[in-house]
Amino acid sequence: MKVFLIRPIRNISTEMELKIEDYVTKLEANCIEVYDPYRDTEQDDSTGLNICLSNLKAISEADEVHIAGTSQGCIFDFGMAFALRKKIKVIEDLFPMEELNSLNKCFAKVMKARENFERYLSDECRWSDE
């Protein structure tokens, strides 16, 4: 199985970076191929276009997309995964769950709702957030 990891790249704490590395290590120890953009996408890109194109290719080749954040890059990659109808998994230990408690709409809620979207499609029922 191939997993694309949506995760923040810039301005993250050492603690968060270590947690992400641990998550990737555990998946790979279970023979899951992980595409980690921090490690696998060339980040030296003055416009960011090549980063987006590299991630798009990797997301399209992935069986699942796991999400560990809501940075601008995470939201952009999530949009690509959403459009490609990829299976989504929110990594609860690495995701800003406090955003889900907000009364406002936010991308964290969209990401979490999309994680279970296949159930709604398979049940052939109308999508709702209830």
N, C-alpha and C. Protein backbone atom coordinates (compact mmCIF):
# COMPACT_ATOMS: atom_id res chain seq x y z
N MET A 1 0.84 -1.17 0.00
CA MET A 1 0.00 0.00 0.00
C MET A 1 0.89 1.24 0.00
N LYS A 2 0.40 2.29 -0.68
CA LYS A 2 1.12 3.56 -0.75
C LYS A 2 0.30 4.64 -0.03
N VAL A 3 0.99 5.39 0.84
CA VAL A 3 0.36 6.47 1.59
C VAL A 3 1.09 7.77 1.28
N PHE A 4 0.32 8.81 0.98
CA PHE A 4 0.88 10.16 0.88
C PHE A 4 0.57 10.84 2.21
N LEU A 5 1.59 11.43 2.82
CA LEU A 5 1.43 12.10 4.10
C LEU A 5 1.31 13.61 3.90
N ILE A 6 0.13 14.13 4.18
CA ILE A 6 -0.05 15.58 4.19
C ILE A 6 0.38 16.06 5.56
N ARG A 7 1.38 16.95 5.56
CA ARG A 7 1.96 17.39 6.83
C ARG A 7 2.58 18.77 6.65
N PRO A 8 2.65 19.54 7.75
CA PRO A 8 3.31 20.83 7.66
C PRO A 8 4.81 20.64 7.41
N ILE A 9 5.39 21.57 6.67
CA ILE A 9 6.82 21.51 6.36
C ILE A 9 7.57 22.59 7.14
N ARG A 10 7.06 23.81 7.07
CA ARG A 10 7.75 24.95 7.70
C ARG A 10 7.15 25.28 9.06
N ASN A 11 7.98 25.90 9.88
CA ASN A 11 7.53 26.46 11.16
C ASN A 11 6.81 25.45 12.05
N ILE A 12 7.37 24.25 12.17
CA ILE A 12 6.79 23.28 13.10
C ILE A 12 7.79 23.01 14.21
N SER A 13 7.29 22.62 15.34
CA SER A 13 8.15 22.37 16.50
C SER A 13 8.96 21.10 16.29
N THR A 14 10.04 21.02 17.02
CA THR A 14 10.86 19.81 17.01
C THR A 14 10.05 18.62 17.48
N GLU A 15 9.20 18.86 18.48
CA GLU A 15 8.34 17.80 19.02
C GLU A 15 7.42 17.24 17.93
N MET A 16 6.79 18.14 17.17
CA MET A 16 5.90 17.71 16.09
C MET A 16 6.68 16.97 15.01
N GLU A 17 7.84 17.47 14.66
CA GLU A 17 8.67 16.80 13.65
C GLU A 17 9.02 15.39 14.09
N LEU A 18 9.38 15.21 15.34
CA LEU A 18 9.72 13.88 15.85
C LEU A 18 8.51 12.95 15.85
N LYS A 19 7.33 13.48 16.18
CA LYS A 19 6.11 12.67 16.15
C LYS A 19 5.80 12.22 14.71
N ILE A 20 5.98 13.11 13.77
CA ILE A 20 5.74 12.76 12.36
C ILE A 20 6.73 11.70 11.91
N GLU A 21 8.01 11.89 12.24
CA GLU A 21 9.02 10.90 11.88
C GLU A 21 8.70 9.54 12.47
N ASP A 22 8.24 9.51 13.70
CA ASP A 22 7.87 8.26 14.37
C ASP A 22 6.69 7.60 13.65
N TYR A 23 5.71 8.41 13.25
CA TYR A 23 4.54 7.88 12.52
C TYR A 23 4.98 7.24 11.20
N VAL A 24 5.84 7.93 10.47
CA VAL A 24 6.33 7.40 9.18
C VAL A 24 7.11 6.11 9.41
N THR A 25 7.97 6.10 10.41
CA THR A 25 8.77 4.91 10.72
C THR A 25 7.88 3.71 11.03
N LYS A 26 6.81 3.94 11.79
CA LYS A 26 5.90 2.83 12.14
C LYS A 26 5.19 2.30 10.90
N LEU A 27 4.73 3.19 10.02
CA LEU A 27 4.08 2.73 8.79
C LEU A 27 5.05 1.92 7.94
N GLU A 28 6.25 2.45 7.76
CA GLU A 28 7.23 1.76 6.92
C GLU A 28 7.68 0.44 7.52
N ALA A 29 7.69 0.33 8.84
CA ALA A 29 8.01 -0.94 9.49
C ALA A 29 6.95 -2.00 9.21
N ASN A 30 5.74 -1.54 8.86
CA ASN A 30 4.65 -2.44 8.50
C ASN A 30 4.52 -2.59 6.98
N CYS A 31 5.60 -2.34 6.26
CA CYS A 31 5.68 -2.52 4.81
C CYS A 31 4.72 -1.61 4.05
N ILE A 32 4.43 -0.45 4.59
CA ILE A 32 3.62 0.56 3.90
C ILE A 32 4.57 1.58 3.31
N GLU A 33 4.45 1.81 2.03
CA GLU A 33 5.29 2.80 1.35
C GLU A 33 4.72 4.19 1.64
N VAL A 34 5.55 5.05 2.22
CA VAL A 34 5.10 6.38 2.62
C VAL A 34 5.82 7.43 1.79
N TYR A 35 5.04 8.32 1.21
CA TYR A 35 5.59 9.50 0.54
C TYR A 35 5.46 10.66 1.52
N ASP A 36 6.59 11.08 2.08
CA ASP A 36 6.64 12.20 3.01
C ASP A 36 7.23 13.39 2.25
N PRO A 37 6.43 14.41 1.95
CA PRO A 37 6.93 15.52 1.13
C PRO A 37 8.14 16.23 1.72
N TYR A 38 8.28 16.23 3.03
CA TYR A 38 9.46 16.83 3.65
C TYR A 38 10.72 16.12 3.18
N ARG A 39 10.62 14.82 3.07
CA ARG A 39 11.75 13.98 2.70
C ARG A 39 11.80 13.71 1.20
N ASP A 40 10.63 13.57 0.56
CA ASP A 40 10.57 13.04 -0.81
C ASP A 40 10.28 14.07 -1.90
N THR A 41 9.88 15.28 -1.54
CA THR A 41 9.64 16.33 -2.53
C THR A 41 10.78 17.34 -2.43
N GLU A 42 11.39 17.66 -3.56
CA GLU A 42 12.44 18.68 -3.58
C GLU A 42 11.82 20.00 -3.12
N GLN A 43 12.31 20.53 -2.00
CA GLN A 43 11.73 21.74 -1.41
C GLN A 43 12.40 23.03 -1.88
N ASP A 44 13.49 22.92 -2.63
CA ASP A 44 14.19 24.11 -3.13
C ASP A 44 13.51 24.56 -4.42
N ASP A 45 12.45 25.35 -4.27
CA ASP A 45 11.60 25.75 -5.40
C ASP A 45 11.15 27.19 -5.15
N SER A 46 11.62 28.12 -5.95
CA SER A 46 11.38 29.54 -5.69
C SER A 46 9.92 29.94 -5.81
N THR A 47 9.12 29.23 -6.61
CA THR A 47 7.70 29.58 -6.75
C THR A 47 6.78 28.61 -6.02
N GLY A 48 7.21 27.40 -5.80
CA GLY A 48 6.38 26.39 -5.17
C GLY A 48 5.62 25.54 -6.18
N LEU A 49 5.64 25.92 -7.46
CA LEU A 49 4.89 25.18 -8.48
C LEU A 49 5.39 23.75 -8.61
N ASN A 50 6.70 23.55 -8.63
CA ASN A 50 7.22 22.19 -8.75
C ASN A 50 6.88 21.33 -7.54
N ILE A 51 6.83 21.97 -6.37
CA ILE A 51 6.42 21.24 -5.16
C ILE A 51 4.99 20.76 -5.34
N CYS A 52 4.11 21.66 -5.79
CA CYS A 52 2.70 21.29 -5.99
C CYS A 52 2.55 20.17 -7.01
N LEU A 53 3.29 20.27 -8.11
CA LEU A 53 3.20 19.25 -9.16
C LEU A 53 3.76 17.90 -8.69
N SER A 54 4.86 17.93 -7.94
CA SER A 54 5.43 16.69 -7.39
C SER A 54 4.45 16.03 -6.42
N ASN A 55 3.84 16.86 -5.56
CA ASN A 55 2.88 16.31 -4.60
C ASN A 55 1.63 15.79 -5.31
N LEU A 56 1.18 16.48 -6.34
CA LEU A 56 0.02 16.01 -7.11
C LEU A 56 0.29 14.63 -7.69
N LYS A 57 1.46 14.44 -8.27
CA LYS A 57 1.82 13.14 -8.84
C LYS A 57 1.83 12.06 -7.75
N ALA A 58 2.44 12.38 -6.62
CA ALA A 58 2.53 11.40 -5.53
C ALA A 58 1.14 11.10 -4.95
N ILE A 59 0.31 12.12 -4.81
CA ILE A 59 -1.05 11.90 -4.29
C ILE A 59 -1.84 11.02 -5.26
N SER A 60 -1.70 11.28 -6.55
CA SER A 60 -2.45 10.49 -7.53
C SER A 60 -2.02 9.02 -7.52
N GLU A 61 -0.78 8.75 -7.14
CA GLU A 61 -0.27 7.38 -7.10
C GLU A 61 -0.54 6.69 -5.76
N ALA A 62 -1.00 7.43 -4.77
CA ALA A 62 -1.22 6.88 -3.43
C ALA A 62 -2.56 6.17 -3.34
N ASP A 63 -2.60 5.16 -2.47
CA ASP A 63 -3.85 4.47 -2.16
C ASP A 63 -4.64 5.23 -1.10
N GLU A 64 -3.92 5.85 -0.19
CA GLU A 64 -4.53 6.62 0.89
C GLU A 64 -3.74 7.88 1.12
N VAL A 65 -4.40 8.86 1.72
CA VAL A 65 -3.75 10.10 2.13
C VAL A 65 -4.00 10.27 3.62
N HIS A 66 -2.91 10.42 4.38
CA HIS A 66 -3.00 10.63 5.81
C HIS A 66 -2.66 12.09 6.09
N ILE A 67 -3.40 12.72 7.01
CA ILE A 67 -3.28 14.15 7.24
C ILE A 67 -2.82 14.43 8.66
N ALA A 68 -1.78 15.30 8.77
CA ALA A 68 -1.23 15.65 10.07
C ALA A 68 -1.20 17.15 10.31
N GLY A 69 -2.01 17.93 9.61
CA GLY A 69 -1.99 19.36 9.87
C GLY A 69 -2.92 20.15 8.98
N THR A 70 -3.00 21.45 9.26
CA THR A 70 -3.89 22.34 8.51
C THR A 70 -3.17 23.60 8.03
N SER A 71 -1.87 23.50 7.77
CA SER A 71 -1.14 24.64 7.23
C SER A 71 -1.65 24.94 5.81
N GLN A 72 -1.21 26.05 5.24
CA GLN A 72 -1.62 26.38 3.87
C GLN A 72 -1.28 25.25 2.91
N GLY A 73 -0.08 24.69 3.02
CA GLY A 73 0.32 23.59 2.16
C GLY A 73 -0.53 22.35 2.39
N CYS A 74 -0.86 22.09 3.65
CA CYS A 74 -1.72 20.94 3.97
C CYS A 74 -3.09 21.11 3.32
N ILE A 75 -3.64 22.32 3.41
CA ILE A 75 -4.96 22.58 2.82
C ILE A 75 -4.90 22.42 1.31
N PHE A 76 -3.84 22.90 0.69
CA PHE A 76 -3.70 22.76 -0.76
C PHE A 76 -3.62 21.29 -1.16
N ASP A 77 -2.77 20.52 -0.46
CA ASP A 77 -2.64 19.09 -0.77
C ASP A 77 -3.94 18.35 -0.49
N PHE A 78 -4.63 18.72 0.58
CA PHE A 78 -5.93 18.12 0.86
C PHE A 78 -6.90 18.36 -0.30
N GLY A 79 -6.89 19.57 -0.85
CA GLY A 79 -7.76 19.88 -1.99
C GLY A 79 -7.49 18.96 -3.17
N MET A 80 -6.20 18.69 -3.41
CA MET A 80 -5.87 17.77 -4.51
C MET A 80 -6.35 16.36 -4.20
N ALA A 81 -6.14 15.91 -2.97
CA ALA A 81 -6.59 14.57 -2.58
C ALA A 81 -8.11 14.47 -2.64
N PHE A 82 -8.78 15.53 -2.23
CA PHE A 82 -10.24 15.59 -2.28
C PHE A 82 -10.72 15.47 -3.72
N ALA A 83 -10.11 16.24 -4.62
CA ALA A 83 -10.51 16.23 -6.04
C ALA A 83 -10.23 14.87 -6.68
N LEU A 84 -9.17 14.21 -6.24
CA LEU A 84 -8.83 12.89 -6.77
C LEU A 84 -9.59 11.77 -6.09
N ARG A 85 -10.47 12.13 -5.13
CA ARG A 85 -11.31 11.17 -4.40
C ARG A 85 -10.49 10.09 -3.69
N LYS A 86 -9.39 10.52 -3.09
CA LYS A 86 -8.54 9.59 -2.35
C LYS A 86 -9.13 9.30 -0.98
N LYS A 87 -8.87 8.11 -0.49
CA LYS A 87 -9.27 7.76 0.86
C LYS A 87 -8.45 8.62 1.82
N ILE A 88 -9.12 9.23 2.79
CA ILE A 88 -8.50 10.16 3.73
C ILE A 88 -8.47 9.56 5.13
N LYS A 89 -7.34 9.75 5.81
CA LYS A 89 -7.24 9.36 7.22
C LYS A 89 -6.63 10.53 7.98
N VAL A 90 -7.37 11.06 8.93
CA VAL A 90 -6.86 12.11 9.81
C VAL A 90 -6.07 11.42 10.92
N ILE A 91 -4.83 11.81 11.12
CA ILE A 91 -3.98 11.22 12.15
C ILE A 91 -4.28 11.95 13.46
N GLU A 92 -5.11 11.37 14.27
CA GLU A 92 -5.62 12.03 15.48
C GLU A 92 -4.52 12.58 16.38
N ASP A 93 -3.43 11.83 16.58
CA ASP A 93 -2.35 12.28 17.47
C ASP A 93 -1.53 13.42 16.88
N LEU A 94 -1.65 13.66 15.57
CA LEU A 94 -0.84 14.68 14.91
C LEU A 94 -1.68 15.79 14.30
N PHE A 95 -2.95 15.80 14.61
CA PHE A 95 -3.87 16.74 13.97
C PHE A 95 -4.37 17.73 15.01
N PRO A 96 -4.54 19.00 14.64
CA PRO A 96 -5.02 20.01 15.60
C PRO A 96 -6.51 19.82 15.91
N MET A 97 -6.80 18.84 16.75
CA MET A 97 -8.19 18.46 17.03
C MET A 97 -8.98 19.59 17.69
N GLU A 98 -8.28 20.53 18.35
CA GLU A 98 -9.00 21.64 18.99
C GLU A 98 -9.78 22.47 17.98
N GLU A 99 -9.31 22.49 16.72
CA GLU A 99 -10.03 23.22 15.68
C GLU A 99 -11.41 22.62 15.42
N LEU A 100 -11.56 21.34 15.69
CA LEU A 100 -12.84 20.68 15.45
C LEU A 100 -13.91 21.10 16.45
N ASN A 101 -13.50 21.65 17.58
CA ASN A 101 -14.45 22.08 18.60
C ASN A 101 -14.99 23.48 18.35
N SER A 102 -14.46 24.15 17.36
CA SER A 102 -14.92 25.49 17.02
C SER A 102 -16.34 25.43 16.48
N LEU A 103 -17.09 26.49 16.71
CA LEU A 103 -18.44 26.57 16.15
C LEU A 103 -18.42 27.01 14.68
N ASN A 104 -17.28 27.49 14.24
CA ASN A 104 -17.14 27.98 12.87
C ASN A 104 -16.76 26.87 11.90
N LYS A 105 -17.08 27.08 10.64
CA LYS A 105 -16.61 26.17 9.60
C LYS A 105 -15.10 26.36 9.49
N CYS A 106 -14.40 25.27 9.23
CA CYS A 106 -12.95 25.36 9.04
C CYS A 106 -12.49 24.12 8.27
N PHE A 107 -11.29 24.19 7.74
CA PHE A 107 -10.78 23.07 6.96
C PHE A 107 -10.56 21.83 7.80
N ALA A 108 -10.26 22.00 9.08
CA ALA A 108 -10.10 20.82 9.94
C ALA A 108 -11.39 20.01 9.95
N LYS A 109 -12.53 20.69 10.01
CA LYS A 109 -13.81 19.98 10.00
C LYS A 109 -14.07 19.32 8.65
N VAL A 110 -13.69 19.99 7.57
CA VAL A 110 -13.85 19.40 6.24
C VAL A 110 -13.01 18.14 6.13
N MET A 111 -11.75 18.23 6.58
CA MET A 111 -10.85 17.08 6.51
C MET A 111 -11.40 15.90 7.30
N LYS A 112 -11.87 16.17 8.50
CA LYS A 112 -12.40 15.10 9.34
C LYS A 112 -13.67 14.51 8.73
N ALA A 113 -14.55 15.37 8.20
CA ALA A 113 -15.77 14.88 7.57
C ALA A 113 -15.45 14.06 6.33
N ARG A 114 -14.47 14.49 5.56
CA ARG A 114 -14.10 13.78 4.32
C ARG A 114 -13.53 12.41 4.62
N GLU A 115 -12.94 12.25 5.79
CA GLU A 115 -12.37 10.96 6.18
C GLU A 115 -13.43 9.85 6.11
N ASN A 116 -14.66 10.18 6.45
CA ASN A 116 -15.73 9.18 6.47
C ASN A 116 -16.66 9.27 5.27
N PHE A 117 -16.29 10.03 4.28
CA PHE A 117 -17.16 10.28 3.14
C PHE A 117 -17.51 9.00 2.37
N GLU A 118 -16.58 8.05 2.27
CA GLU A 118 -16.84 6.81 1.52
C GLU A 118 -18.05 6.07 2.09
N ARG A 119 -18.24 6.15 3.41
CA ARG A 119 -19.39 5.49 4.04
C ARG A 119 -20.69 6.08 3.50
N TYR A 120 -20.70 7.38 3.35
CA TYR A 120 -21.91 8.04 2.84
C TYR A 120 -22.14 7.69 1.37
N LEU A 121 -21.07 7.61 0.60
CA LEU A 121 -21.21 7.24 -0.80
C LEU A 121 -21.71 5.81 -0.93
N SER A 122 -21.16 4.91 -0.13
CA SER A 122 -21.55 3.50 -0.23
C SER A 122 -22.97 3.27 0.27
N ASP A 123 -23.41 4.08 1.22
CA ASP A 123 -24.79 3.96 1.72
C ASP A 123 -25.78 4.64 0.79
N GLU A 124 -25.26 5.34 -0.23
CA GLU A 124 -26.09 6.07 -1.18
C GLU A 124 -27.07 7.00 -0.48
N CYS A 125 -26.59 7.61 0.59
CA CYS A 125 -27.44 8.58 1.27
C CYS A 125 -26.90 9.98 1.06
N ARG A 126 -27.72 10.94 1.31
CA ARG A 126 -27.33 12.33 1.12
C ARG A 126 -26.30 12.70 2.18
N TRP A 127 -25.25 13.39 1.76
CA TRP A 127 -24.20 13.81 2.68
C TRP A 127 -24.74 14.86 3.64
N SER A 128 -24.47 14.66 4.91
CA SER A 128 -24.79 15.68 5.91
C SER A 128 -23.73 15.61 7.00
N ASP A 129 -23.70 16.63 7.83
CA ASP A 129 -22.70 16.62 8.92
C ASP A 129 -23.34 16.16 10.22
N GLU A 130 -24.47 15.51 10.18
CA GLU A 130 -25.15 15.05 11.38
C GLU A 130 -24.55 13.73 11.85
